[in-house]
Amino acid sequence: MKKLWIKALSLAFLSLLVANCAKEPEVKLGADGKPVNDKGEPVNPYEPGTYEHFKAERSYPKTSKVWKNEALLSLTTPENSHLIISRKLQRAFLMKGDEVVVDYPVSTGKSGYATPAGDYTILEKTIDKKSNSYGSVYDENGDRVSGVEKPSQVPEGGRFSGAPMPYWMRLSNDGVGHHIGNVPRYPASHGCIRGPRAIMPTIYRKVKIGTPVTVE
């Protein structure tokens, strides 16, 4: 009986020890919401390579880096994925259920051309796409006209060349889409959601016509 009691006590102690070891370390946050040590100095207590570590970096969300969960990415398909676009963070998230598969930088619409918030579905996918609304205007001599970017502004004898928008994913019938473009880490587009060349082909492959997209 005594041996059973000692064994039960030992098991209880071992369970308590394991439970305490399994607890997440307490993380203090600074005024900016990032982890700090007892002296208020920036730290990153999370394991390198984890999503927690990526988000705890001082450069997040302004960083141009992309984070990927490679194991989850291999399980993500056009049938089980969706996208979330954060205008506040200027970042986008390829999702599988509630899990982030890819976190990447984007540039949404600038002042006067704000990307509208809402729930969308992808309406069209085209790898080689050019804009019908914005691009470069050339005069009759073939010289580019500075400060002019709309087809309605083409001078007599000139021509318009639409801006390239590779890996185009249309979200609305009035021209809002997600595509490769310059991503300066602040809103800079005419309403579209630009993404970096390094990751957009992957995003394109992981979605389909009908994939849900939320713009927050």
Protein backbone atom coordinates (compact mmCIF):
# COMPACT_ATOMS: atom_id res chain seq x y z
CA MET A 1 0.00 0.00 0.00
CA LYS A 2 2.84 2.31 0.94
CA LYS A 3 4.57 1.57 -2.37
CA LEU A 4 1.40 2.38 -4.30
CA TRP A 5 1.03 5.65 -2.40
CA ILE A 6 4.66 6.62 -3.11
CA LYS A 7 4.22 5.68 -6.78
CA ALA A 8 1.04 7.79 -7.05
CA LEU A 9 2.78 10.73 -5.37
CA SER A 10 5.73 10.42 -7.72
CA LEU A 11 3.46 10.35 -10.76
CA ALA A 12 1.60 13.41 -9.53
CA PHE A 13 4.86 15.28 -9.00
CA LEU A 14 6.10 14.26 -12.45
CA SER A 15 2.84 15.42 -14.06
CA LEU A 16 3.11 18.78 -12.29
CA LEU A 17 6.72 19.14 -13.41
CA VAL A 18 5.84 18.37 -17.05
CA ALA A 19 2.89 20.77 -16.95
CA ASN A 20 5.08 23.56 -15.63
CA CYS A 21 7.75 22.89 -18.24
CA ALA A 22 5.13 22.94 -20.99
CA LYS A 23 3.89 26.39 -20.05
CA GLU A 24 4.71 29.19 -22.48
CA PRO A 25 7.33 31.56 -21.10
CA GLU A 26 5.89 34.80 -19.79
CA VAL A 27 6.52 37.56 -22.28
CA LYS A 28 6.52 41.22 -21.29
CA LEU A 29 5.41 43.67 -23.96
CA GLY A 30 6.65 47.18 -24.56
CA ALA A 31 4.55 50.21 -25.52
CA ASP A 32 4.60 49.09 -29.15
CA GLY A 33 3.33 45.62 -28.26
CA LYS A 34 6.70 43.96 -28.95
CA PRO A 35 8.50 41.71 -26.38
CA VAL A 36 10.94 43.36 -23.96
CA ASN A 37 13.08 42.11 -21.06
CA ASP A 38 12.91 43.31 -17.45
CA LYS A 39 14.90 46.40 -18.40
CA GLY A 40 12.49 47.27 -21.19
CA GLU A 41 15.02 46.31 -23.85
CA PRO A 42 13.80 44.65 -27.08
CA VAL A 43 14.04 40.88 -27.10
CA ASN A 44 12.64 38.03 -29.16
CA PRO A 45 11.95 35.10 -26.84
CA TYR A 46 10.49 32.84 -29.50
CA GLU A 47 12.26 30.09 -31.39
CA PRO A 48 13.80 31.32 -34.68
CA GLY A 49 11.82 30.18 -37.69
CA THR A 50 8.48 30.15 -35.89
CA TYR A 51 5.69 32.50 -36.82
CA GLU A 52 5.74 33.94 -33.30
CA HIS A 53 9.40 34.84 -33.74
CA PHE A 54 8.72 36.45 -37.13
CA LYS A 55 5.92 38.65 -35.76
CA ALA A 56 7.93 39.58 -32.66
CA GLU A 57 10.77 41.05 -34.71
CA ARG A 58 11.08 44.82 -34.35
CA SER A 59 10.77 45.29 -38.10
CA TYR A 60 7.36 43.61 -38.33
CA PRO A 61 5.02 44.46 -40.04
CA LYS A 62 7.12 46.91 -42.12
CA THR A 63 9.58 44.21 -43.14
CA SER A 64 9.65 43.12 -46.77
CA LYS A 65 10.39 39.57 -45.68
CA VAL A 66 8.02 36.69 -46.35
CA TRP A 67 7.24 33.99 -43.78
CA LYS A 68 6.14 30.53 -44.88
CA ASN A 69 5.03 27.41 -43.06
CA GLU A 70 6.55 24.97 -45.55
CA ALA A 71 4.88 21.90 -44.09
CA LEU A 72 1.44 23.53 -44.17
CA LEU A 73 2.07 25.03 -47.60
CA SER A 74 2.42 21.55 -49.08
CA LEU A 75 -1.04 20.71 -47.71
CA THR A 76 -2.65 23.93 -48.94
CA THR A 77 -4.62 23.68 -52.18
CA PRO A 78 -6.97 25.93 -54.18
CA GLU A 79 -9.81 23.92 -52.63
CA ASN A 80 -8.95 24.68 -48.98
CA SER A 81 -7.28 28.10 -49.07
CA HIS A 82 -8.40 31.68 -48.62
CA LEU A 83 -6.71 35.08 -48.49
CA ILE A 84 -6.81 37.89 -45.95
CA ILE A 85 -5.52 41.35 -46.90
CA SER A 86 -4.76 43.77 -44.05
CA ARG A 87 -4.71 47.41 -45.16
CA LYS A 88 -3.58 48.46 -41.68
CA LEU A 89 -0.56 46.16 -41.62
CA GLN A 90 0.05 46.31 -45.38
CA ARG A 91 0.43 42.54 -45.31
CA ALA A 92 -1.49 39.61 -46.77
CA PHE A 93 -2.03 36.11 -45.47
CA LEU A 94 -2.53 32.88 -47.37
CA MET A 95 -4.68 30.83 -45.01
CA LYS A 96 -5.65 27.18 -44.58
CA GLY A 97 -8.57 27.28 -42.19
CA ASP A 98 -7.48 29.40 -39.22
CA GLU A 99 -3.77 28.80 -39.79
CA VAL A 100 -1.41 31.22 -41.51
CA VAL A 101 0.45 29.50 -44.34
CA VAL A 102 2.21 32.53 -45.83
CA ASP A 103 2.57 36.07 -44.43
CA TYR A 104 3.81 38.51 -47.08
CA PRO A 105 4.02 42.28 -47.70
CA VAL A 106 1.58 44.10 -49.96
CA SER A 107 0.85 47.64 -51.07
CA THR A 108 -2.81 48.65 -51.29
CA GLY A 109 -4.48 51.77 -52.67
CA LYS A 110 -3.05 55.18 -51.88
CA SER A 111 -5.03 58.24 -50.77
CA GLY A 112 -7.85 58.89 -53.21
CA TYR A 113 -7.65 55.32 -54.55
CA ALA A 114 -8.17 53.32 -51.35
CA THR A 115 -8.66 49.60 -51.80
CA PRO A 116 -12.24 48.99 -50.63
CA ALA A 117 -12.72 46.70 -47.63
CA GLY A 118 -15.06 43.76 -47.97
CA ASP A 119 -15.50 40.09 -48.72
CA TYR A 120 -14.63 39.06 -52.25
CA THR A 121 -14.03 35.99 -54.35
CA ILE A 122 -11.46 35.67 -57.11
CA LEU A 123 -13.29 36.29 -60.39
CA GLU A 124 -10.47 35.87 -62.90
CA LYS A 125 -6.88 34.60 -63.07
CA THR A 126 -4.45 35.71 -65.77
CA ILE A 127 -0.67 35.31 -65.64
CA ASP A 128 0.05 37.93 -68.31
CA LYS A 129 -2.18 40.93 -67.68
CA LYS A 130 -1.87 44.61 -68.59
CA SER A 131 -3.89 47.47 -67.18
CA ASN A 132 -6.57 49.11 -69.32
CA SER A 133 -6.65 52.16 -67.06
CA TYR A 134 -3.06 53.09 -66.17
CA GLY A 135 0.30 52.81 -67.86
CA SER A 136 2.71 54.74 -70.04
CA VAL A 137 1.74 57.28 -72.70
CA TYR A 138 4.00 57.96 -75.70
CA ASP A 139 3.87 60.80 -78.19
CA GLU A 140 4.01 60.50 -81.98
CA ASN A 141 7.81 60.34 -81.82
CA GLY A 142 7.76 57.38 -79.43
CA ASP A 143 8.92 59.44 -76.45
CA ARG A 144 7.23 58.85 -73.12
CA VAL A 145 5.08 61.72 -71.93
CA SER A 146 6.05 62.55 -68.34
CA GLY A 147 3.28 62.73 -65.74
CA VAL A 148 0.68 61.18 -68.04
CA GLU A 149 -0.62 57.67 -67.37
CA LYS A 150 -4.18 57.27 -68.71
CA PRO A 151 -5.29 56.16 -72.20
CA SER A 152 -7.57 59.21 -72.39
CA GLN A 153 -4.45 61.41 -72.23
CA VAL A 154 -2.76 60.03 -75.34
CA PRO A 155 -1.79 62.89 -77.70
CA GLU A 156 -2.61 62.74 -81.39
CA GLY A 157 -0.42 60.18 -83.09
CA GLY A 158 0.70 58.74 -79.76
CA ARG A 159 -0.02 55.45 -78.06
CA PHE A 160 -0.83 53.94 -74.68
CA SER A 161 0.93 50.93 -73.09
CA GLY A 162 -0.87 49.43 -70.11
CA ALA A 163 1.09 48.81 -66.92
CA PRO A 164 2.03 45.13 -66.51
CA MET A 165 0.16 43.31 -63.74
CA PRO A 166 1.55 39.73 -63.79
CA TYR A 167 -0.26 36.95 -61.94
CA TRP A 168 -3.47 38.93 -61.93
CA MET A 169 -6.31 37.81 -59.65
CA ARG A 170 -9.42 39.92 -60.15
CA LEU A 171 -11.51 40.74 -57.08
CA SER A 172 -14.08 43.14 -58.52
CA ASN A 173 -15.57 44.08 -61.85
CA ASP A 174 -14.42 47.68 -61.45
CA GLY A 175 -10.74 46.79 -61.68
CA VAL A 176 -9.54 45.85 -58.19
CA GLY A 177 -7.20 42.87 -58.20
CA HIS A 178 -4.14 41.27 -56.63
CA HIS A 179 -0.97 41.06 -58.73
CA ILE A 180 2.80 41.45 -58.84
CA GLY A 181 3.94 45.05 -58.46
CA ASN A 182 6.14 47.47 -56.59
CA VAL A 183 5.69 47.03 -52.82
CA PRO A 184 7.18 50.10 -51.08
CA ARG A 185 5.73 49.19 -47.63
CA TYR A 186 2.99 51.80 -47.71
CA PRO A 187 -0.22 52.26 -49.73
CA ALA A 188 0.87 53.25 -53.23
CA SER A 189 -1.42 51.67 -55.83
CA HIS A 190 -4.48 52.91 -57.72
CA GLY A 191 -6.64 50.48 -55.72
CA CYS A 192 -5.13 47.10 -56.53
CA ILE A 193 -3.21 44.97 -54.05
CA ARG A 194 0.39 44.62 -55.14
CA GLY A 195 2.49 41.69 -53.97
CA PRO A 196 6.20 40.82 -54.36
CA ARG A 197 7.46 38.89 -57.37
CA ALA A 198 9.16 36.30 -55.14
CA ILE A 199 5.92 34.95 -53.64
CA MET A 200 3.03 35.88 -55.94
CA PRO A 201 3.41 32.87 -58.30
CA THR A 202 3.02 30.62 -55.24
CA ILE A 203 -0.08 32.50 -54.06
CA TYR A 204 -1.47 32.32 -57.60
CA ARG A 205 -1.06 28.53 -57.68
CA LYS A 206 -2.72 28.06 -54.29
CA VAL A 207 -6.00 29.82 -55.20
CA LYS A 208 -8.65 29.43 -57.85
CA ILE A 209 -11.61 31.28 -59.31
CA GLY A 210 -14.03 31.37 -56.41
CA THR A 211 -11.42 31.47 -53.62
CA PRO A 212 -12.61 33.79 -50.80
CA VAL A 213 -10.62 36.98 -50.19
CA THR A 214 -11.21 39.29 -47.23
CA VAL A 215 -9.91 42.86 -47.34
CA GLU A 216 -9.80 44.34 -43.86
